[in-house]
Each structure stands twice: as structure tokens, then as C-alpha cells.
C-alpha atoms as a PDB file:
ATOM      1  CA  MET A   1     126.986 169.384 161.796  1.00  0.00           C
ATOM      2  CA  SER A   2     127.506 167.595 165.190  1.00  0.00           C
ATOM      3  CA  ALA A   3     126.952 163.870 165.272  1.00  0.00           C
ATOM      4  CA  VAL A   4     124.268 164.172 167.929  1.00  0.00           C
ATOM      5  CA  PRO A   5     122.375 167.456 167.388  1.00  0.00           C
ATOM      6  CA  GLN A   6     120.662 168.806 170.568  1.00  0.00           C
ATOM      7  CA  ALA A   7     116.973 169.829 170.552  1.00  0.00           C
ATOM      8  CA  THR A   8     118.172 173.408 170.533  1.00  0.00           C
ATOM      9  CA  GLU A   9     119.661 172.996 167.137  1.00  0.00           C
ATOM     10  CA  PRO A  10     117.566 173.722 163.880  1.00  0.00           C
ATOM     11  CA  LEU A  11     115.060 171.113 162.863  1.00  0.00           C
ATOM     12  CA  LEU A  12     116.216 171.624 159.321  1.00  0.00           C
ATOM     13  CA  LEU A  13     119.543 172.572 158.101  1.00  0.00           C
ATOM     14  CA  ARG A  14     120.039 174.514 154.817  1.00  0.00           C
ATOM     15  CA  ASP A  15     123.348 174.536 152.875  1.00  0.00           C
ATOM     16  CA  ASP A  16     123.462 176.451 149.502  1.00  0.00           C
ATOM     17  CA  ARG A  17     126.369 175.787 147.294  1.00  0.00           C
ATOM     18  CA  ASP A  18     126.909 176.175 143.501  1.00  0.00           C
ATOM     19  CA  ALA A  19     123.112 176.755 142.938  1.00  0.00           C
ATOM     20  CA  ILE A  20     122.328 173.493 144.944  1.00  0.00           C
ATOM     21  CA  CYS A  21     120.292 173.787 148.196  1.00  0.00           C
ATOM     22  CA  THR A  22     120.718 170.994 150.476  1.00  0.00           C
ATOM     23  CA  LEU A  23     117.919 170.675 153.099  1.00  0.00           C
ATOM     24  CA  THR A  24     118.845 168.179 155.860  1.00  0.00           C
ATOM     25  CA  MET A  25     116.162 167.008 158.468  1.00  0.00           C
ATOM     26  CA  ASN A  26     118.086 167.349 161.580  1.00  0.00           C
ATOM     27  CA  ARG A  27     116.608 165.034 164.247  1.00  0.00           C
ATOM     28  CA  PRO A  28     118.722 161.972 163.833  1.00  0.00           C
ATOM     29  CA  GLN A  29     117.909 160.497 167.250  1.00  0.00           C
ATOM     30  CA  GLN A  30     114.137 160.572 166.428  1.00  0.00           C
ATOM     31  CA  MET A  31     114.879 159.173 162.792  1.00  0.00           C
ATOM     32  CA  ASN A  32     113.834 162.616 161.539  1.00  0.00           C
ATOM     33  CA  LEU A  33     110.119 162.018 162.257  1.00  0.00           C
ATOM     34  CA  LEU A  34     107.698 164.304 160.468  1.00  0.00           C
ATOM     35  CA  THR A  35     106.320 165.947 163.451  1.00  0.00           C
ATOM     36  CA  SER A  36     104.080 169.004 162.917  1.00  0.00           C
ATOM     37  CA  GLN A  37     107.208 171.064 163.569  1.00  0.00           C
ATOM     38  CA  MET A  38     109.345 169.330 161.010  1.00  0.00           C
ATOM     39  CA  LEU A  39     106.393 169.696 158.604  1.00  0.00           C
ATOM     40  CA  GLU A  40     106.283 173.385 159.236  1.00  0.00           C
ATOM     41  CA  ALA A  41     110.085 173.701 158.821  1.00  0.00           C
ATOM     42  CA  LEU A  42     109.943 171.851 155.550  1.00  0.00           C
ATOM     43  CA  GLN A  43     106.990 173.841 154.225  1.00  0.00           C
ATOM     44  CA  THR A  44     108.773 177.084 155.234  1.00  0.00           C
ATOM     45  CA  ALA A  45     111.890 176.078 153.247  1.00  0.00           C
ATOM     46  CA  PHE A  46     110.050 174.959 150.209  1.00  0.00           C
ATOM     47  CA  ASP A  47     107.976 178.210 150.161  1.00  0.00           C
ATOM     48  CA  SER A  48     111.141 180.079 150.277  1.00  0.00           C
ATOM     49  CA  LEU A  49     112.657 178.268 147.358  1.00  0.00           C
ATOM     50  CA  VAL A  50     109.773 178.826 144.966  1.00  0.00           C
ATOM     51  CA  SER A  51     110.978 182.279 143.837  1.00  0.00           C
ATOM     52  CA  ASP A  52     114.728 181.841 144.703  1.00  0.00           C
ATOM     53  CA  ARG A  53     116.393 182.210 141.264  1.00  0.00           C
ATOM     54  CA  LYS A  54     119.755 181.422 142.707  1.00  0.00           C
ATOM     55  CA  ILE A  55     118.953 177.918 143.456  1.00  0.00           C
ATOM     56  CA  ARG A  56     118.716 175.327 140.472  1.00  0.00           C
ATOM     57  CA  VAL A  57     118.386 172.105 142.409  1.00  0.00           C
ATOM     58  CA  VAL A  58     117.191 171.016 145.782  1.00  0.00           C
ATOM     59  CA  VAL A  59     118.545 168.005 147.655  1.00  0.00           C
ATOM     60  CA  LEU A  60     116.567 166.565 150.561  1.00  0.00           C
ATOM     61  CA  ALA A  61     118.556 164.593 153.174  1.00  0.00           C
ATOM     62  CA  GLY A  62     118.239 163.142 156.648  1.00  0.00           C
ATOM     63  CA  ALA A  63     120.855 163.317 159.339  1.00  0.00           C
ATOM     64  CA  GLY A  64     121.975 160.146 161.084  1.00  0.00           C
ATOM     65  CA  LYS A  65     121.589 156.593 160.277  1.00  0.00           C
ATOM     66  CA  GLY A  66     118.037 156.781 159.022  1.00  0.00           C
ATOM     67  CA  PHE A  67     116.471 159.039 156.255  1.00  0.00           C
ATOM     68  CA  CYS A  68     112.987 159.506 157.803  1.00  0.00           C
ATOM     69  CA  ALA A  69     110.758 157.066 159.916  1.00  0.00           C
ATOM     70  CA  GLY A  70     107.472 158.879 159.027  1.00  0.00           C
ATOM     71  CA  HIS A  71     105.026 160.430 161.439  1.00  0.00           C
ATOM     72  CA  ASP A  72     105.447 160.680 165.190  1.00  0.00           C
ATOM     73  CA  LEU A  73     102.844 158.143 166.568  1.00  0.00           C
ATOM     74  CA  LYS A  74     103.095 159.809 170.071  1.00  0.00           C
ATOM     75  CA  GLU A  75     102.120 163.079 168.575  1.00  0.00           C
ATOM     76  CA  ILE A  76      99.231 161.472 166.662  1.00  0.00           C
ATOM     77  CA  ARG A  77      98.072 159.457 169.816  1.00  0.00           C
ATOM     78  CA  ALA A  78      98.063 162.676 171.812  1.00  0.00           C
ATOM     79  CA  LEU A  79      95.815 164.439 169.291  1.00  0.00           C
ATOM     80  CA  LYS A  80      93.008 161.807 169.819  1.00  0.00           C
ATOM     81  CA  GLU A  81      90.324 163.446 167.887  1.00  0.00           C
ATOM     82  CA  ARG A  82      89.875 162.766 164.215  1.00  0.00           C
ATOM     83  CA  PRO A  83      89.530 166.586 163.249  1.00  0.00           C
ATOM     84  CA  LYS A  84      92.903 167.139 164.907  1.00  0.00           C
ATOM     85  CA  ILE A  85      94.544 164.339 163.211  1.00  0.00           C
ATOM     86  CA  GLU A  86      93.069 165.231 159.865  1.00  0.00           C
ATOM     87  CA  LYS A  87      94.677 168.655 160.405  1.00  0.00           C
ATOM     88  CA  LEU A  88      98.053 167.128 160.731  1.00  0.00           C
ATOM     89  CA  PHE A  89      97.550 165.022 157.669  1.00  0.00           C
ATOM     90  CA  ALA A  90      96.429 168.059 155.665  1.00  0.00           C
ATOM     91  CA  GLN A  91      99.549 169.841 156.688  1.00  0.00           C
ATOM     92  CA  CYS A  92     101.690 166.873 155.520  1.00  0.00           C
ATOM     93  CA  SER A  93      99.767 166.615 152.198  1.00  0.00           C
ATOM     94  CA  ARG A  94     100.348 170.304 151.530  1.00  0.00           C
ATOM     95  CA  MET A  95     104.127 169.868 152.263  1.00  0.00           C
ATOM     96  CA  MET A  96     104.352 166.819 149.942  1.00  0.00           C
ATOM     97  CA  GLN A  97     102.682 168.646 147.064  1.00  0.00           C
ATOM     98  CA  SER A  98     104.941 171.606 147.660  1.00  0.00           C
ATOM     99  CA  ILE A  99     107.764 169.413 146.297  1.00  0.00           C
ATOM    100  CA  THR A 100     106.328 168.652 143.021  1.00  0.00           C
ATOM    101  CA  ALA A 101     105.149 172.393 142.843  1.00  0.00           C
ATOM    102  CA  LEU A 102     108.743 173.736 143.176  1.00  0.00           C
ATOM    103  CA  PRO A 103     110.242 174.931 139.833  1.00  0.00           C
ATOM    104  CA  GLN A 104     113.471 173.192 140.913  1.00  0.00           C
ATOM    105  CA  PRO A 105     114.035 169.380 140.672  1.00  0.00           C
ATOM    106  CA  VAL A 106     114.331 167.834 144.171  1.00  0.00           C
ATOM    107  CA  ILE A 107     116.593 164.857 144.710  1.00  0.00           C
ATOM    108  CA  ALA A 108     116.083 162.580 147.721  1.00  0.00           C
ATOM    109  CA  ARG A 109     119.383 161.578 149.300  1.00  0.00           C
ATOM    110  CA  VAL A 110     118.496 158.312 151.080  1.00  0.00           C
ATOM    111  CA  GLN A 111     121.242 156.941 153.318  1.00  0.00           C
ATOM    112  CA  GLY A 112     119.172 154.609 155.577  1.00  0.00           C
ATOM    113  CA  ALA A 113     115.557 153.629 156.416  1.00  0.00           C
ATOM    114  CA  ALA A 114     112.668 155.480 154.811  1.00  0.00           C
ATOM    115  CA  ALA A 115     109.393 154.152 156.361  1.00  0.00           C
ATOM    116  CA  ALA A 116     105.813 155.194 156.050  1.00  0.00           C
ATOM    117  CA  ALA A 117     105.643 158.804 155.320  1.00  0.00           C
ATOM    118  CA  GLY A 118     109.394 158.743 155.098  1.00  0.00           C
ATOM    119  CA  CYS A 119     108.986 156.308 152.151  1.00  0.00           C
ATOM    120  CA  GLN A 120     106.312 158.728 150.889  1.00  0.00           C
ATOM    121  CA  LEU A 121     108.757 161.540 150.959  1.00  0.00           C
ATOM    122  CA  VAL A 122     111.236 159.559 148.803  1.00  0.00           C
ATOM    123  CA  ALA A 123     108.449 158.654 146.323  1.00  0.00           C
ATOM    124  CA  GLN A 124     107.337 162.424 146.270  1.00  0.00           C
ATOM    125  CA  CYS A 125     110.728 163.736 145.339  1.00  0.00           C
ATOM    126  CA  ASP A 126     111.412 164.084 141.569  1.00  0.00           C
ATOM    127  CA  LEU A 127     114.493 161.842 141.858  1.00  0.00           C
ATOM    128  CA  ALA A 128     116.080 159.559 144.477  1.00  0.00           C
ATOM    129  CA  VAL A 129     119.579 158.358 144.978  1.00  0.00           C
ATOM    130  CA  ALA A 130     120.016 155.721 147.735  1.00  0.00           C
ATOM    131  CA  SER A 131     122.805 153.967 149.557  1.00  0.00           C
ATOM    132  CA  ASP A 132     122.678 150.113 149.192  1.00  0.00           C
ATOM    133  CA  ALA A 133     122.146 150.186 152.959  1.00  0.00           C
ATOM    134  CA  ALA A 134     118.778 151.918 152.664  1.00  0.00           C
ATOM    135  CA  LYS A 135     115.478 150.238 153.444  1.00  0.00           C
ATOM    136  CA  PHE A 136     111.934 151.168 152.334  1.00  0.00           C
ATOM    137  CA  ALA A 137     108.632 150.156 153.914  1.00  0.00           C
ATOM    138  CA  THR A 138     105.097 151.224 154.437  1.00  0.00           C
ATOM    139  CA  PRO A 139     104.393 149.202 157.443  1.00  0.00           C
ATOM    140  CA  GLY A 140     101.135 150.730 158.787  1.00  0.00           C
ATOM    141  CA  VAL A 141      99.005 147.818 157.808  1.00  0.00           C
ATOM    142  CA  SER A 142     100.482 145.588 160.462  1.00  0.00           C
ATOM    143  CA  TRP A 143      99.659 148.118 163.206  1.00  0.00           C
ATOM    144  CA  GLY A 144      96.056 148.891 162.230  1.00  0.00           C
ATOM    145  CA  PHE A 145      96.597 152.169 160.152  1.00  0.00           C
ATOM    146  CA  PHE A 146      96.959 151.321 156.360  1.00  0.00           C
ATOM    147  CA  CYS A 147      99.584 153.787 154.821  1.00  0.00           C
ATOM    148  CA  SER A 148      96.956 155.450 152.582  1.00  0.00           C
ATOM    149  CA  THR A 149      98.756 158.758 152.239  1.00  0.00           C
ATOM    150  CA  PRO A 150     101.942 157.124 151.443  1.00  0.00           C
ATOM    151  CA  GLY A 151     100.199 155.078 148.978  1.00  0.00           C
ATOM    152  CA  VAL A 152      99.365 158.231 146.902  1.00  0.00           C
ATOM    153  CA  ALA A 153     103.041 158.896 146.220  1.00  0.00           C
ATOM    154  CA  VAL A 154     104.189 155.313 146.072  1.00  0.00           C
ATOM    155  CA  GLY A 155     101.295 154.393 143.919  1.00  0.00           C
ATOM    156  CA  ARG A 156     102.348 157.106 141.344  1.00  0.00           C
ATOM    157  CA  ASN A 157     105.924 155.791 141.302  1.00  0.00           C
ATOM    158  CA  LEU A 158     105.647 151.981 141.166  1.00  0.00           C
ATOM    159  CA  LEU A 159     103.689 149.553 139.128  1.00  0.00           C
ATOM    160  CA  ARG A 160     100.315 148.787 140.676  1.00  0.00           C
ATOM    161  CA  LYS A 161     101.013 145.457 141.896  1.00  0.00           C
ATOM    162  CA  ARG A 162     104.474 146.447 143.340  1.00  0.00           C
ATOM    163  CA  ALA A 163     102.832 149.433 145.175  1.00  0.00           C
ATOM    164  CA  MET A 164     100.105 147.123 146.576  1.00  0.00           C
ATOM    165  CA  GLU A 165     102.676 144.496 147.541  1.00  0.00           C
ATOM    166  CA  LEU A 166     104.486 147.114 149.631  1.00  0.00           C
ATOM    167  CA  LEU A 167     101.283 148.610 151.082  1.00  0.00           C
ATOM    168  CA  LEU A 168      99.413 145.299 151.846  1.00  0.00           C
ATOM    169  CA  THR A 169     102.360 143.332 153.293  1.00  0.00           C
ATOM    170  CA  GLY A 170     104.161 146.123 155.234  1.00  0.00           C
ATOM    171  CA  ASP A 171     107.260 144.314 154.412  1.00  0.00           C
ATOM    172  CA  ALA A 172     110.577 146.282 153.819  1.00  0.00           C
ATOM    173  CA  ILE A 173     112.442 146.123 150.620  1.00  0.00           C
ATOM    174  CA  ASP A 174     116.111 146.795 150.249  1.00  0.00           C
ATOM    175  CA  ALA A 175     117.641 149.382 147.981  1.00  0.00           C
ATOM    176  CA  LYS A 176     118.296 146.996 145.108  1.00  0.00           C
ATOM    177  CA  LYS A 177     114.616 146.057 144.971  1.00  0.00           C
ATOM    178  CA  ALA A 178     113.538 149.675 145.320  1.00  0.00           C
ATOM    179  CA  LEU A 179     115.612 150.484 142.189  1.00  0.00           C
ATOM    180  CA  GLU A 180     114.082 147.486 140.278  1.00  0.00           C
ATOM    181  CA  TRP A 181     110.659 148.679 141.293  1.00  0.00           C
ATOM    182  CA  GLY A 182     111.171 152.222 140.358  1.00  0.00           C
ATOM    183  CA  LEU A 183     111.196 153.904 143.745  1.00  0.00           C
ATOM    184  CA  VAL A 184     114.660 155.213 143.327  1.00  0.00           C
ATOM    185  CA  ASN A 185     116.815 156.176 140.414  1.00  0.00           C
ATOM    186  CA  ARG A 186     120.322 155.111 141.530  1.00  0.00           C
ATOM    187  CA  VAL A 187     121.847 152.920 144.181  1.00  0.00           C
ATOM    188  CA  VAL A 188     125.495 153.231 145.261  1.00  0.00           C
ATOM    189  CA  PRO A 189     127.850 152.213 148.197  1.00  0.00           C
ATOM    190  CA  PRO A 190     127.355 154.438 151.302  1.00  0.00           C
ATOM    191  CA  ASP A 191     130.718 156.090 150.731  1.00  0.00           C
ATOM    192  CA  ALA A 192     129.697 157.090 147.208  1.00  0.00           C
ATOM    193  CA  LEU A 193     126.263 158.452 148.123  1.00  0.00           C
ATOM    194  CA  ASP A 194     127.250 162.238 148.407  1.00  0.00           C
ATOM    195  CA  SER A 195     129.368 162.219 145.208  1.00  0.00           C
ATOM    196  CA  GLU A 196     126.619 160.510 143.326  1.00  0.00           C
ATOM    197  CA  VAL A 197     123.969 162.937 144.673  1.00  0.00           C
ATOM    198  CA  MET A 198     126.100 165.991 143.757  1.00  0.00           C
ATOM    199  CA  SER A 199     126.994 164.577 140.386  1.00  0.00           C
ATOM    200  CA  LEU A 200     123.345 164.296 139.431  1.00  0.00           C
ATOM    201  CA  ALA A 201     122.519 167.616 141.104  1.00  0.00           C
ATOM    202  CA  LYS A 202     125.276 169.497 139.104  1.00  0.00           C
ATOM    203  CA  GLN A 203     124.143 167.979 135.964  1.00  0.00           C
ATOM    204  CA  LEU A 204     120.583 169.293 136.458  1.00  0.00           C
ATOM    205  CA  ALA A 205     121.908 172.721 137.609  1.00  0.00           C
ATOM    206  CA  GLU A 206     123.545 173.071 134.266  1.00  0.00           C
ATOM    207  CA  LYS A 207     120.216 172.820 132.339  1.00  0.00           C
ATOM    208  CA  PRO A 208     118.202 175.940 131.376  1.00  0.00           C
ATOM    209  CA  PRO A 209     116.299 176.744 134.484  1.00  0.00           C
ATOM    210  CA  GLU A 210     113.145 178.095 132.910  1.00  0.00           C
ATOM    211  CA  THR A 211     112.981 175.192 130.590  1.00  0.00           C
ATOM    212  CA  LEU A 212     113.496 172.721 133.448  1.00  0.00           C
ATOM    213  CA  ALA A 213     110.809 174.337 135.567  1.00  0.00           C
ATOM    214  CA  ALA A 214     108.397 174.415 132.657  1.00  0.00           C
ATOM    215  CA  GLY A 215     109.041 170.853 131.806  1.00  0.00           C
ATOM    216  CA  LYS A 216     108.754 169.673 135.491  1.00  0.00           C
ATOM    217  CA  ARG A 217     105.358 171.558 135.786  1.00  0.00           C
ATOM    218  CA  ALA A 218     103.998 170.198 132.604  1.00  0.00           C
ATOM    219  CA  PHE A 219     104.966 166.662 133.482  1.00  0.00           C
ATOM    220  CA  TYR A 220     103.133 166.630 136.734  1.00  0.00           C
ATOM    221  CA  GLN A 221     100.119 168.461 135.245  1.00  0.00           C
ATOM    222  CA  GLN A 222      99.565 165.678 132.765  1.00  0.00           C
ATOM    223  CA  MET A 223     100.521 162.745 135.195  1.00  0.00           C
ATOM    224  CA  ASP A 224      98.792 163.823 138.388  1.00  0.00           C
ATOM    225  CA  LEU A 225      95.653 165.728 137.536  1.00  0.00           C
ATOM    226  CA  GLY A 226      93.863 164.155 140.413  1.00  0.00           C
ATOM    227  CA  VAL A 227      96.717 164.177 143.165  1.00  0.00           C
ATOM    228  CA  ALA A 228      95.102 166.849 145.316  1.00  0.00           C
ATOM    229  CA  ARG A 229      91.724 164.970 145.452  1.00  0.00           C
ATOM    230  CA  ALA A 230      93.662 161.794 146.034  1.00  0.00           C
ATOM    231  CA  TYR A 231      95.451 163.293 149.111  1.00  0.00           C
ATOM    232  CA  ASP A 232      92.114 164.605 150.498  1.00  0.00           C
ATOM    233  CA  LEU A 233      90.667 161.096 150.184  1.00  0.00           C
ATOM    234  CA  ALA A 234      93.666 159.349 151.625  1.00  0.00           C
ATOM    235  CA  SER A 235      94.136 161.916 154.501  1.00  0.00           C
ATOM    236  CA  GLY A 236      90.673 161.188 155.540  1.00  0.00           C
ATOM    237  CA  VAL A 237      91.296 157.341 155.467  1.00  0.00           C
ATOM    238  CA  ILE A 238      94.408 157.470 157.458  1.00  0.00           C
ATOM    239  CA  SER A 239      93.086 160.057 159.918  1.00  0.00           C
ATOM    240  CA  SER A 240      90.120 157.818 160.535  1.00  0.00           C
ATOM    241  CA  ALA A 241      92.489 154.745 161.052  1.00  0.00           C
ATOM    242  CA  PHE A 242      94.517 156.656 163.663  1.00  0.00           C
ATOM    243  CA  ALA A 243      91.427 157.550 165.562  1.00  0.00           C
ATOM    244  CA  HIS A 244      89.821 154.113 165.438  1.00  0.00           C
ATOM    245  CA  ASP A 245      90.364 151.611 168.166  1.00  0.00           C
ATOM    246  CA  GLU A 246      92.522 149.349 165.966  1.00  0.00           C
ATOM    247  CA  GLY A 247      94.851 152.217 165.078  1.00  0.00           C
ATOM    248  CA  ARG A 248      94.983 153.395 168.724  1.00  0.00           C
ATOM    249  CA  ALA A 249      95.904 149.988 169.943  1.00  0.00           C
ATOM    250  CA  GLY A 250      98.456 149.628 167.259  1.00  0.00           C
ATOM    251  CA  MET A 251     100.007 153.015 168.169  1.00  0.00           C
ATOM    252  CA  ASP A 252     100.241 151.964 171.828  1.00  0.00           C
ATOM    253  CA  ALA A 253     101.957 148.697 170.803  1.00  0.00           C
ATOM    254  CA  PHE A 254     104.356 150.477 168.509  1.00  0.00           C
ATOM    255  CA  ILE A 255     105.341 153.111 170.983  1.00  0.00           C
ATOM    256  CA  GLU A 256     105.633 150.631 173.770  1.00  0.00           C
ATOM    257  CA  LYS A 257     107.773 148.337 171.657  1.00  0.00           C
ATOM    258  CA  ARG A 258     105.438 145.510 171.674  1.00  0.00           C
ATOM    259  CA  PRO A 259     104.471 143.255 168.735  1.00  0.00           C
ATOM    260  CA  PRO A 260     101.431 144.349 166.687  1.00  0.00           C
ATOM    261  CA  PRO A 261      98.040 143.335 168.086  1.00  0.00           C
ATOM    262  CA  LYS A 262      96.400 140.369 166.494  1.00  0.00           C
ATOM    263  CA  HIS A 263      93.211 140.820 164.656  1.00  0.00           C
END
């Protein structure tokens, strides 16, 4: 792939090798924001993998320096009305749940920053391998829109106090702390990231696929019986925040590169 993909290049790149499918979000200049178009591309890819018997493992990656910076606040600001914003978050919640619904294990390859819904995306994947240069944050609280939907996935990965610290402070944590807190499985130097991801993916690809799929399905059934309702609730909360004056003022400040409004 080119170092600076143009807007005409695919939003999502797919590379299938040795029963491993690597999906790469391909908007590095926009930090691979989860726009409605990116969500649609990811949804289409996940839907196509459900019945793909040739693929044993899925790797989710981001092109460029950052993994994913979350939602596009310019897009949300333009939507203005709560029903339209809720539709976007329902689209995102469906995509996130598709990851755990896949029969194949999904590994997040995190080379850089994963913020807000990008941090959610890491948490939603079955496994995650990070570069020691990666950072993780759910910073929405500082800008007037609490990261309630990221909190669904983050809260199901971290101990409650750790999750609340991440969500309530909005502070970023480094890869070492993300490993200690349980957000990622392994942390390696940047030049070892690809080999570590592939080593794990190949190990999983050698397991009996039907057994792996059944085990993954049962694990989430017993762990997350209420996840769909949790996402419905959280989507309503975060949509309301973005439609509220505080959230809109925060979006304006963020987009215009000003400090968060004081409240």
C-alpha cells in the first residue's frame, strides 16, 4: 500500500494469506476515523467473513501512525439532530457486535493511538497485540460527550475501577499500562509487531475451526448476555450528549483545535 493513500483508494484493504484475513482501515491521514462509510466498509467485510470457511483468523489493523481516532466529530456535528446521530451510533454498535459474532477469532493490531471508539474497537476484538508506542484513551468526558459506547466494550475488558478511571478522567494510558489493565494481550517493540501478530494468528489458525467457533460463541453468550441492551442504552446516552449544547460546544472546540470548554 502507498504511504499516503488517496481518497480514491479503498477505505478498507483486505489481504488473505494462509487462512488469515487482514483488514486494514485505510485512511491514515484521518487517523482511520469511524465515519459512516468506514463503518459500512467494516460491516460489509465482517458480513462476508461469517460464512467464509477458507478464513480461520481475522486481523484488524489501521494504516499509518494511528490505529483509529474514533468517530468523525465533523460528521456528527453536521448530523445535528438526535435521531440522525442515534442512527450513526446504532450502525457502529451493530458493527462492533459483528466482531464477537464472527466464528473466527479477531486480533487487533495496534501500532499507534486508539482513542474513543478506536479504543472501543480494540476492546471489542477477541485479542489485541500492541506496539509499545501505542496509546489508549476515552477522552470524550473532557469535551462534553462521555464515551458511553466505548464504555460497553472497555467495561467488559477491564476491572470496573480501571474502566471508570479511563472513562472518567479521559487520560491516555500507554501500552504497558494497557497490558497491565487487560486491554491488550501482548506488547512488543514496533518492529516486532507484525511478526507477533502473525505468530498468534497462525497459532489460532491451526486449531480446529468448528471447535474454535463454538467455543468463541459460547464464551460471549455466557459473558455478555446483556450486551445488545447495553449498546442500545449507551447509544442513546452518547447520541444525546452529542446533540446537547455541551457536546456541540465541545465538538466545535475539538474540531477547531481549541481547549475543551470549561464547565
